[in-house]
Protein backbone atom coordinates (compact mmCIF):
# COMPACT_ATOMS: atom_id res chain seq x y z
CA MET A 1 201.72 51.25 102.82
CA LYS A 2 200.85 54.74 101.59
CA ILE A 3 197.20 55.31 100.76
CA SER A 4 195.45 58.18 98.99
CA VAL A 5 191.73 58.46 99.70
CA LEU A 6 189.91 60.52 97.08
CA GLY A 7 186.73 61.91 98.56
CA CYS A 8 186.33 63.09 102.14
CA GLY A 9 182.61 62.83 102.74
CA ARG A 10 181.01 60.42 105.18
CA TRP A 11 182.58 57.19 103.98
CA GLY A 12 185.78 58.72 102.60
CA SER A 13 186.61 60.36 105.92
CA PHE A 14 186.04 57.05 107.71
CA ILE A 15 188.35 55.19 105.31
CA ALA A 16 191.09 57.75 105.93
CA TRP A 17 190.51 57.40 109.68
CA TYR A 18 190.57 53.59 109.50
CA GLN A 19 193.70 53.41 107.38
CA ALA A 20 195.62 55.85 109.60
CA THR A 21 194.26 55.17 113.08
CA VAL A 22 193.66 51.42 112.96
CA LEU A 23 196.10 50.17 110.31
CA LYS A 24 198.76 52.85 110.89
CA ASN A 25 199.22 53.48 107.19
CA LYS A 26 200.40 56.79 105.77
CA VAL A 27 197.28 58.49 104.41
CA ILE A 28 196.54 61.40 102.12
CA SER A 29 192.92 62.55 102.20
CA TRP A 30 191.80 64.53 99.15
CA GLY A 31 188.77 66.71 98.65
CA PRO A 32 187.98 69.49 96.16
CA GLU A 33 188.74 72.99 97.35
CA GLY A 34 185.60 74.77 98.49
CA ASP A 35 183.70 71.52 99.01
CA TYR A 36 181.81 71.54 102.31
CA SER A 37 183.14 68.17 103.50
CA TYR A 38 186.73 69.15 102.72
CA GLU A 39 186.46 72.59 104.32
CA VAL A 40 185.03 71.16 107.54
CA LEU A 41 187.92 68.70 107.86
CA LYS A 42 190.49 71.37 106.97
CA ASN A 43 189.14 73.87 109.48
CA GLU A 44 188.06 71.56 112.29
CA GLY A 45 190.17 68.41 111.84
CA LYS A 46 186.97 66.43 112.30
CA ASN A 47 183.42 66.05 111.09
CA GLU A 48 180.26 64.55 112.58
CA TYR A 49 181.65 61.05 112.05
CA VAL A 50 185.39 60.99 112.82
CA ASN A 51 188.27 62.91 114.33
CA LEU A 52 191.07 62.78 111.77
CA ASP A 53 194.38 61.43 113.02
CA LYS A 54 197.04 64.16 112.98
CA SER A 55 199.18 61.96 110.72
CA ILE A 56 196.62 62.26 107.88
CA GLU A 57 197.70 64.70 105.20
CA LEU A 58 194.71 66.69 103.96
CA THR A 59 194.97 68.20 100.48
CA CYS A 60 192.89 69.66 97.65
CA ASP A 61 195.71 69.02 95.15
CA LEU A 62 194.48 66.05 93.08
CA GLU A 63 197.74 65.66 91.17
CA TYR A 64 199.69 65.38 94.42
CA ALA A 65 197.22 62.88 95.90
CA VAL A 66 197.30 60.67 92.81
CA LYS A 67 201.06 60.73 92.31
CA SER A 68 201.99 60.22 95.97
CA SER A 69 200.51 56.77 96.65
CA ASP A 70 200.49 53.37 94.97
CA VAL A 71 197.03 52.51 96.33
CA ILE A 72 194.22 54.96 95.54
CA ILE A 73 190.85 54.51 97.24
CA ILE A 74 187.91 56.36 95.68
CA SER A 75 184.82 57.25 97.70
CA ILE A 76 182.59 59.76 95.91
CA SER A 77 179.04 59.84 94.57
CA SER A 78 178.75 56.96 92.10
CA GLN A 79 177.00 59.04 89.43
CA GLY A 80 180.00 61.38 89.31
CA LEU A 81 182.64 58.68 88.87
CA ARG A 82 183.04 58.82 85.08
CA GLY A 83 183.62 62.57 85.04
CA PHE A 84 185.95 62.34 88.02
CA MET A 85 188.07 59.67 86.34
CA LYS A 86 188.75 62.05 83.46
CA LYS A 87 190.51 64.28 85.98
CA VAL A 88 192.35 61.40 87.66
CA THR A 89 193.65 59.86 84.43
CA ALA A 90 195.14 63.21 83.39
CA TYR A 91 198.05 62.08 85.60
CA PRO A 92 200.23 58.95 85.29
CA VAL A 93 198.18 56.11 86.81
CA GLN A 94 199.35 53.02 84.91
CA ASP A 95 201.03 51.50 87.97
CA LYS A 96 198.39 52.53 90.50
CA THR A 97 195.97 50.21 92.27
CA PHE A 98 192.42 51.54 92.46
CA VAL A 99 189.97 50.49 95.17
CA LEU A 100 186.33 51.55 94.82
CA CYS A 101 184.67 52.14 98.19
CA MET A 102 181.34 53.20 96.76
CA LYS A 103 178.12 51.53 95.68
CA GLY A 104 176.01 52.25 92.64
CA ILE A 105 175.24 51.63 88.97
CA GLU A 106 175.72 54.40 86.42
CA GLU A 107 172.23 55.62 85.61
CA SER A 108 172.94 56.73 82.05
CA THR A 109 174.59 53.47 80.91
CA GLY A 110 173.74 50.70 83.42
CA LYS A 111 177.48 50.11 83.85
CA ARG A 112 179.05 48.83 87.05
CA LEU A 113 181.57 51.17 88.66
CA SER A 114 184.57 48.96 87.87
CA GLU A 115 183.48 48.98 84.22
CA ILE A 116 183.66 52.77 84.28
CA LEU A 117 187.27 52.57 85.48
CA ILE A 118 188.13 50.11 82.71
CA GLU A 119 186.54 52.40 80.13
CA SER A 120 188.60 55.24 81.66
CA GLY A 121 191.80 53.36 80.85
CA ILE A 122 192.54 51.56 84.13
CA GLN A 123 193.80 47.98 83.77
CA LYS A 124 191.38 45.32 85.04
CA ASN A 125 194.04 43.68 87.19
CA LYS A 126 194.56 47.00 89.00
CA ILE A 127 190.92 47.40 90.11
CA ALA A 128 189.27 46.19 93.33
CA VAL A 129 186.00 46.94 95.14
CA TRP A 130 185.54 47.18 98.92
CA VAL A 131 181.92 46.78 100.05
CA GLY A 132 179.78 45.18 102.71
CA PRO A 133 177.95 46.03 105.92
CA GLY A 134 178.97 48.52 108.55
CA HIS A 135 178.18 52.02 109.76
CA ILE A 136 180.80 54.56 110.69
CA GLN A 137 179.01 55.34 113.94
CA ALA A 138 179.41 51.69 115.00
CA PHE A 139 182.97 51.25 113.75
CA THR A 140 184.23 54.32 115.61
CA GLN A 141 182.71 52.89 118.81
CA GLY A 142 184.81 49.77 118.31
CA ILE A 143 181.91 47.58 117.11
CA PRO A 144 183.32 45.18 114.49
CA ASN A 145 181.80 43.95 111.27
CA CYS A 146 182.60 41.82 108.22
CA MET A 147 183.24 43.19 104.73
CA VAL A 148 184.39 41.90 101.36
CA ILE A 149 187.04 42.85 98.82
CA ASP A 150 186.61 41.65 95.27
CA SER A 151 188.65 42.10 92.11
CA TYR A 152 189.22 40.77 88.62
CA ASP A 153 192.65 39.74 89.91
CA GLU A 154 192.92 36.98 92.53
CA ASN A 155 196.30 38.13 93.87
CA LEU A 156 195.18 41.75 94.21
CA LYS A 157 192.06 41.00 96.25
CA ARG A 158 194.00 38.70 98.55
CA TYR A 159 196.76 41.27 99.00
CA LEU A 160 194.31 44.05 99.85
CA ALA A 161 192.09 41.97 102.14
CA ASP A 162 195.09 40.61 104.02
CA ASN A 163 196.58 44.08 104.48
CA PHE A 164 193.34 45.91 105.27
CA LYS A 165 192.01 43.46 107.88
CA SER A 166 191.99 44.25 111.60
CA ASP A 167 190.10 43.43 114.77
CA LEU A 168 187.55 46.01 113.63
CA ILE A 169 186.93 44.68 110.11
CA ARG A 170 187.14 41.04 109.09
CA PHE A 171 187.49 40.78 105.33
CA TYR A 172 186.39 37.98 103.03
CA TYR A 173 187.73 37.39 99.53
CA GLY A 174 184.97 38.00 96.99
CA ASN A 175 184.67 35.54 94.11
CA ASP A 176 182.17 37.25 91.79
CA ILE A 177 182.90 40.88 91.03
CA ILE A 178 179.73 41.26 88.96
CA GLY A 179 177.56 39.93 91.78
CA THR A 180 179.53 41.86 94.39
CA GLU A 181 179.05 45.20 92.65
CA ILE A 182 175.42 44.65 91.68
CA GLY A 183 174.56 43.37 95.16
CA ALA A 184 176.21 46.30 96.89
CA ALA A 185 174.37 48.79 94.70
CA ALA A 186 171.00 47.03 94.77
CA LYS A 187 170.76 46.78 98.55
CA ASN A 188 170.29 50.56 98.61
CA VAL A 189 167.15 50.19 96.48
CA LEU A 190 165.80 47.67 99.00
CA GLY A 191 166.70 50.18 101.72
CA ILE A 192 164.37 52.76 100.21
CA ALA A 193 161.54 50.20 100.07
CA ALA A 194 162.19 49.32 103.71
CA GLY A 195 162.01 53.00 104.63
CA VAL A 196 158.64 53.36 102.93
CA LEU A 197 157.38 50.41 104.97
CA ASP A 198 158.71 52.04 108.15
CA GLY A 199 157.08 55.33 107.30
CA SER A 200 153.79 53.66 106.43
CA GLY A 201 153.61 51.49 109.56
CA TYR A 202 154.15 48.18 107.74
CA VAL A 203 157.42 47.21 109.44
CA SER A 204 156.52 43.50 109.60
CA LEU A 205 156.68 43.34 105.80
CA LYS A 206 160.45 43.76 105.87
CA GLY A 207 160.84 39.99 106.19
CA PRO A 208 159.11 39.28 102.87
CA LEU A 209 160.93 42.28 101.38
CA MET A 210 164.30 40.74 102.26
CA ALA A 211 163.42 37.28 100.96
CA ARG A 212 161.92 38.45 97.68
CA GLY A 213 164.44 41.25 97.28
CA ALA A 214 167.44 38.93 97.41
CA TYR A 215 165.75 36.58 94.95
CA GLU A 216 165.05 39.45 92.56
CA VAL A 217 168.60 40.80 92.75
CA GLY A 218 170.01 37.31 92.25
CA LYS A 219 168.13 37.09 88.94
CA LEU A 220 169.67 40.38 87.82
CA MET A 221 173.16 39.23 88.81
CA LYS A 222 172.76 36.04 86.79
CA ALA A 223 171.48 37.91 83.73
CA LEU A 224 174.54 40.17 83.83
CA GLY A 225 176.95 37.22 83.98
CA GLY A 226 177.36 36.90 87.73
CA GLU A 227 176.30 34.20 90.18
CA PHE A 228 172.73 34.05 91.49
CA THR A 229 173.96 33.01 94.94
CA SER A 230 176.01 36.21 95.31
CA ALA A 231 172.74 37.87 96.34
CA TYR A 232 173.04 35.99 99.63
CA GLY A 233 176.57 37.20 100.36
CA LEU A 234 177.98 40.08 102.40
CA ALA A 235 177.65 42.62 99.60
CA HIS A 236 173.86 42.25 99.46
CA LEU A 237 171.88 40.17 101.98
CA GLY A 238 174.67 40.54 104.54
CA ASP A 239 174.25 44.31 104.31
CA TYR A 240 170.49 44.33 104.89
CA GLU A 241 170.68 45.04 108.62
CA THR A 242 172.67 48.24 108.12
CA THR A 243 170.56 49.33 105.14
CA LEU A 244 167.00 48.17 105.85
CA PHE A 245 166.89 48.59 109.64
CA SER A 246 169.54 50.98 110.92
CA GLU A 247 168.73 54.53 111.95
CA TYR A 248 171.97 55.54 110.21
CA SER A 249 170.94 54.28 106.77
CA HIS A 250 170.48 57.17 104.33
CA ASN A 251 168.46 55.05 101.91
CA ARG A 252 166.08 53.76 104.58
CA LYS A 253 165.66 57.30 105.87
CA TYR A 254 164.98 58.56 102.36
CA GLY A 255 162.14 56.05 101.96
CA GLU A 256 160.74 56.75 105.41
CA MET A 257 160.60 60.50 104.85
CA MET A 258 159.22 60.02 101.33
CA ALA A 259 156.32 58.06 102.85
CA HIS A 260 155.63 61.16 104.96
CA GLY A 261 155.86 63.48 101.96
CA ALA A 262 159.18 64.97 103.14
CA LYS A 263 162.52 65.17 101.34
CA PHE A 264 165.71 63.66 102.82
CA GLU A 265 168.48 66.04 101.80
CA LYS A 266 171.56 63.81 102.15
CA LEU A 267 172.83 61.46 99.45
CA ALA A 268 170.74 58.31 98.95
CA GLU A 269 172.45 56.31 96.19
CA GLY A 270 169.48 53.96 95.88
CA VAL A 271 167.38 56.57 94.06
CA MET A 272 169.44 56.64 90.86
CA THR A 273 170.34 52.97 91.26
CA ALA A 274 166.63 52.12 91.11
CA LYS A 275 166.44 53.94 87.78
CA ALA A 276 169.50 52.11 86.46
CA MET A 277 168.21 48.72 87.64
CA LYS A 278 164.79 49.30 86.09
CA GLU A 279 166.44 50.00 82.75
CA LEU A 280 168.61 46.88 83.08
CA GLY A 281 165.51 44.85 83.86
CA ASP A 282 163.82 46.20 80.75
CA LYS A 283 166.93 45.54 78.66
CA TYR A 284 167.23 41.90 79.77
CA ASN A 285 163.46 41.27 79.95
CA LEU A 286 163.58 40.54 83.69
CA GLU A 287 160.69 40.78 86.12
CA LEU A 288 161.95 43.07 88.92
CA PRO A 289 158.77 44.08 90.75
CA ILE A 290 160.39 45.58 93.87
CA THR A 291 162.87 47.57 91.80
CA ASN A 292 160.07 48.86 89.58
CA ALA A 293 157.97 49.81 92.60
CA VAL A 294 160.83 51.77 94.15
CA TYR A 295 161.49 53.50 90.81
CA GLU A 296 157.83 54.44 90.52
CA ALA A 297 157.72 55.68 94.12
CA CYS A 298 160.84 57.82 93.65
CA PHE A 299 160.11 59.23 90.20
CA GLU A 300 156.38 58.98 89.50
CA SER A 301 154.48 59.18 92.80
CA HIS A 302 154.96 62.94 93.30
CA ALA A 303 155.57 62.05 96.94
CA PHE A 304 157.14 65.42 97.74
CA GLU A 305 154.25 67.46 96.41
CA SER A 306 151.29 68.64 98.42
CA GLY A 307 148.14 66.55 98.46
CA ASN A 308 148.22 62.77 98.18
CA GLY A 309 151.86 62.32 97.19
CA ALA A 310 152.90 60.40 100.31
CA GLU A 311 149.80 58.20 100.11
CA ASN A 312 150.57 57.46 96.45
CA CYS A 313 154.08 56.41 97.41
CA MET A 314 152.75 53.94 99.98
CA LYS A 315 150.18 52.54 97.54
CA ILE A 316 152.87 51.87 94.95
CA ILE A 317 154.86 49.69 97.35
CA LEU A 318 151.75 47.89 98.60
CA LYS A 319 150.68 47.20 95.01
CA LEU A 320 153.22 44.39 95.13
CA PHE A 321 150.59 42.43 97.06
CA GLU A 322 148.17 42.61 94.17
CA ARG A 323 150.39 40.51 91.93
CA GLU A 324 149.12 37.04 90.97
CA THR A 325 149.98 34.04 93.14
CA LYS A 326 152.98 32.05 91.98
CA SER A 327 155.54 29.52 93.22
CA GLU A 328 158.10 30.96 95.59
CA PHE A 329 161.10 29.61 93.65
């Protein structure tokens, strides 16, 4: 199998490594010329996460990367996907299979990432998503994990999961692409909340955060046409350990530093996802208290300004305890 991986940042470089080193597939790794992540790999043959196998073909020629493989895996910032697809679809892609290895909800529209591909002209039966728990630092040490591949097409998800599996990653077939995508995106919002608790010294509240967070996300999934129980699958609850507890989690780190009044400079997808989820909650008249608290902490607490910003951030999260008593379910 020949694979093109579009995007060579943290996760994109790992996917290229996994496909070439573990699965022994022929891999093209694409990144834009001049981009820091691409230049590091081109000049060093490695980054802080992986050493690229010598068989991996590194290129900044998007046309070549798109035309050369039947399976195209995309791993870029979720908020840039729509604009990026305009460049991709400038080339013949009708027969290509697209796999999204990224997590988010488009902030300006509330659309899932697979919906953006459909609106870009990609056939539904040619789209799959690959999500679930796991950190590159653990995978490259040989520590296995479980992940999920979902699709609108039953045959496609089975084909990809069966061909991408290894002793390092056990794949499950997803059965709710709406729930899978929403769950994968939403867990990053919970990661920010967990980081605020870490930074504020309220670590023991992560248990209630997980229980109520999954319940809240399940309600959103159901409102969007997915299954409530998907919140308890690998894409969401199954990914809590790597997102709410791990030292490697960007979203958890973002929340932790925000609670200290400091800015985390790397990408934390949960920030814009919180904004998108809040707007979806408003649109569907859903009560999403944790989502709203994270949104307020990220956008209205002034946490990065001098003075009481960090304290305001903490108070916003703890305000959840002031809500009226109600039945758990």
